[in-house]
C-alpha atoms as a PDB file:
ATOM      1  CA  MET A   1      21.784  56.420  -8.296  1.00  0.00           C
ATOM      2  CA  ASP A   2      25.656  56.806  -8.222  1.00  0.00           C
ATOM      3  CA  GLU A   3      27.468  57.086  -4.853  1.00  0.00           C
ATOM      4  CA  THR A   4      27.968  60.846  -6.050  1.00  0.00           C
ATOM      5  CA  GLN A   5      23.330  61.430  -6.399  1.00  0.00           C
ATOM      6  CA  ALA A   6      23.093  59.490  -2.867  1.00  0.00           C
ATOM      7  CA  ILE A   7      25.941  61.366  -0.841  1.00  0.00           C
ATOM      8  CA  LYS A   8      23.748  65.096  -2.702  1.00  0.00           C
ATOM      9  CA  LEU A   9      20.616  63.849  -1.536  1.00  0.00           C
ATOM     10  CA  LEU A  10      21.862  62.947   2.054  1.00  0.00           C
ATOM     11  CA  LYS A  11      23.205  66.228   2.251  1.00  0.00           C
ATOM     12  CA  GLN A  12      19.799  68.342   1.446  1.00  0.00           C
ATOM     13  CA  GLY A  13      18.521  65.647   4.267  1.00  0.00           C
ATOM     14  CA  ASN A  14      16.810  63.191   1.933  1.00  0.00           C
ATOM     15  CA  PRO A  15      17.080  59.414   3.528  1.00  0.00           C
ATOM     16  CA  ALA A  16      16.822  57.521  -0.203  1.00  0.00           C
ATOM     17  CA  GLY A  17      20.021  58.678  -0.786  1.00  0.00           C
ATOM     18  CA  LEU A  18      21.331  56.331   2.353  1.00  0.00           C
ATOM     19  CA  GLU A  19      19.684  53.946   1.218  1.00  0.00           C
ATOM     20  CA  ALA A  20      21.303  53.958  -1.545  1.00  0.00           C
ATOM     21  CA  LEU A  21      24.412  54.010  -0.114  1.00  0.00           C
ATOM     22  CA  VAL A  22      23.478  51.128   2.519  1.00  0.00           C
ATOM     23  CA  GLU A  23      22.414  49.308  -0.428  1.00  0.00           C
ATOM     24  CA  LYS A  24      25.893  49.547  -1.934  1.00  0.00           C
ATOM     25  CA  TYR A  25      28.428  49.453   1.070  1.00  0.00           C
ATOM     26  CA  GLN A  26      26.345  47.035   3.296  1.00  0.00           C
ATOM     27  CA  VAL A  27      27.403  43.838   2.590  1.00  0.00           C
ATOM     28  CA  GLN A  28      31.127  45.128   2.122  1.00  0.00           C
ATOM     29  CA  ALA A  29      30.801  46.912   5.368  1.00  0.00           C
ATOM     30  CA  VAL A  30      29.664  43.721   7.586  1.00  0.00           C
ATOM     31  CA  ARG A  31      32.414  41.696   6.323  1.00  0.00           C
ATOM     32  CA  VAL A  32      35.666  44.314   6.933  1.00  0.00           C
ATOM     33  CA  ALA A  33      33.971  44.546  10.689  1.00  0.00           C
ATOM     34  CA  PHE A  34      33.410  40.810  11.243  1.00  0.00           C
ATOM     35  CA  LEU A  35      37.016  40.213  10.327  1.00  0.00           C
ATOM     36  CA  VAL A  36      37.273  42.754  12.963  1.00  0.00           C
ATOM     37  CA  VAL A  37      35.165  41.170  15.907  1.00  0.00           C
ATOM     38  CA  TRP A  38      34.706  38.291  14.323  1.00  0.00           C
ATOM     39  CA  ASN A  39      31.136  37.852  15.705  1.00  0.00           C
ATOM     40  CA  GLN A  40      27.920  38.567  12.886  1.00  0.00           C
ATOM     41  CA  GLU A  41      25.092  40.458  15.422  1.00  0.00           C
ATOM     42  CA  LEU A  42      28.062  43.179  16.728  1.00  0.00           C
ATOM     43  CA  ALA A  43      29.535  43.388  12.868  1.00  0.00           C
ATOM     44  CA  GLU A  44      25.682  43.979  11.687  1.00  0.00           C
ATOM     45  CA  ASP A  45      25.362  46.339  15.201  1.00  0.00           C
ATOM     46  CA  ILE A  46      28.974  48.030  13.784  1.00  0.00           C
ATOM     47  CA  VAL A  47      27.466  48.707  10.095  1.00  0.00           C
ATOM     48  CA  GLN A  48      24.435  49.415  11.145  1.00  0.00           C
ATOM     49  CA  THR A  49      26.099  52.763  13.999  1.00  0.00           C
ATOM     50  CA  ALA A  50      28.099  53.663  10.817  1.00  0.00           C
ATOM     51  CA  PHE A  51      25.152  54.737   8.872  1.00  0.00           C
ATOM     52  CA  LEU A  52      23.162  56.132  11.585  1.00  0.00           C
ATOM     53  CA  ARG A  53      27.050  58.326  12.180  1.00  0.00           C
ATOM     54  CA  VAL A  54      27.037  59.313   8.406  1.00  0.00           C
ATOM     55  CA  TYR A  55      23.654  59.815   7.921  1.00  0.00           C
ATOM     56  CA  GLU A  56      24.418  62.770  11.259  1.00  0.00           C
ATOM     57  CA  ARG A  57      27.897  63.535  10.151  1.00  0.00           C
ATOM     58  CA  ILE A  58      27.508  63.645   5.704  1.00  0.00           C
ATOM     59  CA  GLN A  59      27.034  67.448   6.225  1.00  0.00           C
ATOM     60  CA  GLN A  60      31.226  66.980   6.906  1.00  0.00           C
ATOM     61  CA  PHE A  61      31.524  64.811   3.963  1.00  0.00           C
ATOM     62  CA  ASP A  62      34.029  66.502   0.880  1.00  0.00           C
ATOM     63  CA  LEU A  63      32.369  65.315  -2.356  1.00  0.00           C
ATOM     64  CA  GLN A  64      36.063  65.837  -4.185  1.00  0.00           C
ATOM     65  CA  ARG A  65      37.163  63.074  -2.122  1.00  0.00           C
ATOM     66  CA  SER A  66      35.898  58.989  -2.083  1.00  0.00           C
ATOM     67  CA  PHE A  67      33.148  57.669   0.124  1.00  0.00           C
ATOM     68  CA  GLU A  68      34.174  53.783   0.772  1.00  0.00           C
ATOM     69  CA  PRO A  69      37.145  54.545   2.563  1.00  0.00           C
ATOM     70  CA  TRP A  70      36.058  57.512   4.445  1.00  0.00           C
ATOM     71  CA  PHE A  71      32.512  55.003   5.348  1.00  0.00           C
ATOM     72  CA  LEU A  72      35.480  52.297   6.116  1.00  0.00           C
ATOM     73  CA  LYS A  73      37.308  54.076   8.074  1.00  0.00           C
ATOM     74  CA  ILE A  74      34.456  54.536  10.575  1.00  0.00           C
ATOM     75  CA  VAL A  75      33.758  51.094   9.921  1.00  0.00           C
ATOM     76  CA  VAL A  76      37.087  50.178  11.232  1.00  0.00           C
ATOM     77  CA  ASN A  77      37.802  52.062  13.994  1.00  0.00           C
ATOM     78  CA  ASP A  78      34.334  51.193  15.522  1.00  0.00           C
ATOM     79  CA  ALA A  79      34.876  47.532  15.187  1.00  0.00           C
ATOM     80  CA  ILE A  80      38.089  48.038  17.076  1.00  0.00           C
ATOM     81  CA  LYS A  81      36.403  50.099  19.827  1.00  0.00           C
ATOM     82  CA  ALA A  82      33.787  47.406  20.066  1.00  0.00           C
ATOM     83  CA  SER A  83      36.724  44.494  20.393  1.00  0.00           C
ATOM     84  CA  THR A  84      38.196  46.674  22.612  1.00  0.00           C
ATOM     85  CA  ARG A  85      35.107  46.959  25.063  1.00  0.00           C
ATOM     86  CA  ARG A  86      34.181  42.691  24.394  1.00  0.00           C
ATOM     87  CA  LYS A  87      38.337  42.454  25.598  1.00  0.00           C
ATOM     88  CA  GLY A  88      38.848  40.993  22.327  1.00  0.00           C
ATOM     89  CA  GLN A  89      36.311  37.568  22.669  1.00  0.00           C
ATOM     90  CA  ILE A  90      36.299  35.810  20.028  1.00  0.00           C
ATOM     91  CA  SER A  91      33.435  33.188  19.125  1.00  0.00           C
ATOM     92  CA  TRP A  92      34.717  31.043  17.086  1.00  0.00           C
ATOM     93  CA  GLU A  93      31.503  28.249  16.371  1.00  0.00           C
ATOM     94  CA  LEU A  94      30.015  31.493  15.642  1.00  0.00           C
ATOM     95  CA  ALA A  95      32.612  32.087  13.216  1.00  0.00           C
ATOM     96  CA  SER A  96      32.589  28.754  11.401  1.00  0.00           C
ATOM     97  CA  GLN A  97      28.824  29.308  11.708  1.00  0.00           C
ATOM     98  CA  VAL A  98      28.703  32.535   9.490  1.00  0.00           C
ATOM     99  CA  GLU A  99      31.339  31.666   6.823  1.00  0.00           C
ATOM    100  CA  GLU A 100      29.704  33.483   4.137  1.00  0.00           C
ATOM    101  CA  VAL A 101      30.764  36.700   5.723  1.00  0.00           C
ATOM    102  CA  PHE A 102      34.370  35.733   5.260  1.00  0.00           C
ATOM    103  CA  PRO A 103      35.944  36.626   1.869  1.00  0.00           C
ATOM    104  CA  PHE A 104      37.626  33.847   0.922  1.00  0.00           C
ATOM    105  CA  LYS A 105      33.943  32.614   0.338  1.00  0.00           C
ATOM    106  CA  TYR A 106      33.255  35.004  -1.910  1.00  0.00           C
ATOM    107  CA  LEU A 107      36.862  33.977  -4.207  1.00  0.00           C
ATOM    108  CA  ASN A 108      35.493  30.124  -5.217  1.00  0.00           C
ATOM    109  CA  ASP A 109      34.846  29.092  -8.478  1.00  0.00           C
ATOM    110  CA  PRO A 110      31.372  29.022  -8.612  1.00  0.00           C
ATOM    111  CA  ALA A 111      31.310  25.702  -9.310  1.00  0.00           C
ATOM    112  CA  PRO A 112      34.251  23.748  -7.744  1.00  0.00           C
ATOM    113  CA  GLY A 113      34.819  20.372  -7.521  1.00  0.00           C
ATOM    114  CA  PRO A 114      34.944  18.259  -3.639  1.00  0.00           C
ATOM    115  CA  GLU A 115      38.449  18.410  -3.894  1.00  0.00           C
ATOM    116  CA  GLU A 116      39.360  22.269  -4.617  1.00  0.00           C
ATOM    117  CA  THR A 117      35.732  23.064  -1.716  1.00  0.00           C
ATOM    118  CA  LEU A 118      37.176  20.640   0.676  1.00  0.00           C
ATOM    119  CA  GLN A 119      40.869  22.869   0.335  1.00  0.00           C
ATOM    120  CA  ARG A 120      39.177  26.266   0.160  1.00  0.00           C
ATOM    121  CA  GLU A 121      37.301  25.246   3.531  1.00  0.00           C
ATOM    122  CA  GLU A 122      40.583  23.624   4.605  1.00  0.00           C
ATOM    123  CA  LEU A 123      42.272  27.047   4.500  1.00  0.00           C
ATOM    124  CA  CYS A 124      39.370  29.011   5.967  1.00  0.00           C
ATOM    125  CA  ALA A 125      40.199  27.325   8.839  1.00  0.00           C
ATOM    126  CA  ALA A 126      43.321  27.508   9.568  1.00  0.00           C
ATOM    127  CA  VAL A 127      43.028  30.930   8.041  1.00  0.00           C
ATOM    128  CA  ARG A 128      40.638  31.948  10.724  1.00  0.00           C
ATOM    129  CA  LYS A 129      42.569  29.745  13.585  1.00  0.00           C
ATOM    130  CA  ALA A 130      45.430  31.986  12.486  1.00  0.00           C
ATOM    131  CA  MET A 131      43.793  35.106  13.273  1.00  0.00           C
ATOM    132  CA  GLU A 132      42.455  34.169  16.891  1.00  0.00           C
ATOM    133  CA  VAL A 133      46.844  35.171  17.565  1.00  0.00           C
ATOM    134  CA  LEU A 134      46.185  38.534  16.640  1.00  0.00           C
ATOM    135  CA  THR A 135      45.597  41.666  18.594  1.00  0.00           C
ATOM    136  CA  ILE A 136      42.376  43.023  17.793  1.00  0.00           C
ATOM    137  CA  GLU A 137      44.794  45.712  16.264  1.00  0.00           C
ATOM    138  CA  GLN A 138      46.569  43.424  14.530  1.00  0.00           C
ATOM    139  CA  ARG A 139      43.734  42.270  12.724  1.00  0.00           C
ATOM    140  CA  ALA A 140      42.235  45.106  12.233  1.00  0.00           C
ATOM    141  CA  ALA A 141      45.338  46.303  10.013  1.00  0.00           C
ATOM    142  CA  VAL A 142      45.624  43.147   8.369  1.00  0.00           C
ATOM    143  CA  VAL A 143      42.280  43.761   7.214  1.00  0.00           C
ATOM    144  CA  CYS A 144      42.403  47.313   5.874  1.00  0.00           C
ATOM    145  CA  ARG A 145      46.169  46.510   4.321  1.00  0.00           C
ATOM    146  CA  TYR A 146      45.095  42.911   2.525  1.00  0.00           C
ATOM    147  CA  TYR A 147      41.109  43.334   2.543  1.00  0.00           C
ATOM    148  CA  LEU A 148      40.211  46.794   1.683  1.00  0.00           C
ATOM    149  CA  GLY A 149      44.042  47.151   0.081  1.00  0.00           C
ATOM    150  CA  LEU A 150      45.031  50.414   1.473  1.00  0.00           C
ATOM    151  CA  SER A 151      47.994  51.023   1.648  1.00  0.00           C
ATOM    152  CA  GLN A 152      50.843  51.701   4.842  1.00  0.00           C
ATOM    153  CA  ALA A 153      49.987  55.742   4.378  1.00  0.00           C
ATOM    154  CA  GLU A 154      46.453  55.401   3.982  1.00  0.00           C
ATOM    155  CA  MET A 155      46.202  53.604   7.010  1.00  0.00           C
ATOM    156  CA  VAL A 156      48.139  56.497   8.989  1.00  0.00           C
ATOM    157  CA  ASN A 157      45.619  58.840   7.634  1.00  0.00           C
ATOM    158  CA  GLU A 158      42.637  56.599   7.948  1.00  0.00           C
ATOM    159  CA  LEU A 159      43.441  54.892  11.374  1.00  0.00           C
ATOM    160  CA  GLY A 160      44.915  58.548  12.711  1.00  0.00           C
ATOM    161  CA  VAL A 161      47.583  56.207  14.342  1.00  0.00           C
ATOM    162  CA  PRO A 162      51.638  57.520  13.508  1.00  0.00           C
ATOM    163  CA  ALA A 163      53.537  55.449  10.501  1.00  0.00           C
ATOM    164  CA  SER A 164      55.569  53.592  13.223  1.00  0.00           C
ATOM    165  CA  THR A 165      52.198  52.341  14.503  1.00  0.00           C
ATOM    166  CA  VAL A 166      51.066  50.805  11.581  1.00  0.00           C
ATOM    167  CA  LYS A 167      54.284  49.328  10.591  1.00  0.00           C
ATOM    168  CA  TRP A 168      54.767  47.705  13.375  1.00  0.00           C
ATOM    169  CA  ARG A 169      51.226  46.396  13.875  1.00  0.00           C
ATOM    170  CA  LEU A 170      51.756  45.037  10.451  1.00  0.00           C
ATOM    171  CA  HIS A 171      55.031  43.346  10.866  1.00  0.00           C
ATOM    172  CA  THR A 172      54.261  42.100  14.297  1.00  0.00           C
ATOM    173  CA  ALA A 173      50.759  39.982  13.172  1.00  0.00           C
ATOM    174  CA  ARG A 174      52.579  38.891  10.216  1.00  0.00           C
ATOM    175  CA  LYS A 175      55.172  37.535  11.883  1.00  0.00           C
ATOM    176  CA  ARG A 176      53.239  36.003  13.651  1.00  0.00           C
ATOM    177  CA  LEU A 177      51.151  34.362  10.708  1.00  0.00           C
ATOM    178  CA  GLY A 178      54.421  33.536   9.079  1.00  0.00           C
ATOM    179  CA  ASP A 179      55.319  31.477  12.283  1.00  0.00           C
ATOM    180  CA  ILE A 180      51.654  29.744  11.851  1.00  0.00           C
ATOM    181  CA  PHE A 181      51.944  29.028   8.452  1.00  0.00           C
ATOM    182  CA  HIS A 182      56.281  28.589   8.584  1.00  0.00           C
ATOM    183  CA  VAL A 183      56.595  31.018   5.755  1.00  0.00           C
ATOM    184  CA  SER A 184      58.547  34.603   6.043  1.00  0.00           C
ATOM    185  CA  GLY A 185      56.352  37.545   7.801  1.00  0.00           C
ATOM    186  CA  ASP A 186      58.063  40.105   5.779  1.00  0.00           C
ATOM    187  CA  GLU A 187      55.921  41.829   2.754  1.00  0.00           C
END
């Protein structure tokens, strides 16, 4: 079943539509939430709640738009709120245990050699550690821009913050990450 059919079913009150959307977007949504909150259980809870919100608000969804950005906006906003409530505490021990949700793992060659595996693991660890210095809002901006591939204009629309705020969060995050990795923070 394609996305449009699933949404139409859901709009008719048929939960099979939600099931199809969960199958298609759950893994990506958990990764997105995890990259903001750095807690597997919390990320899963956020996504579950986001899908319930989709079920409740599907009548507001415009079929002319793409579902993915609409849904992931809900996930990112809920992740920011959850992190803010938790005061941005990150369990790095938990993050290292649930590395399978970290996106670099999925970019690996299916049969990398031991040296390449070690280099990638070191890179993942360095990125995780570097992300620790960012605020929740900066992490969310980095996730939206570089993981979801949203433009700054899309981020303004999706996150509901002014363009200057998006630019500042990205600039500050890039600067802080650039200082850690000793590279320029500009795009």
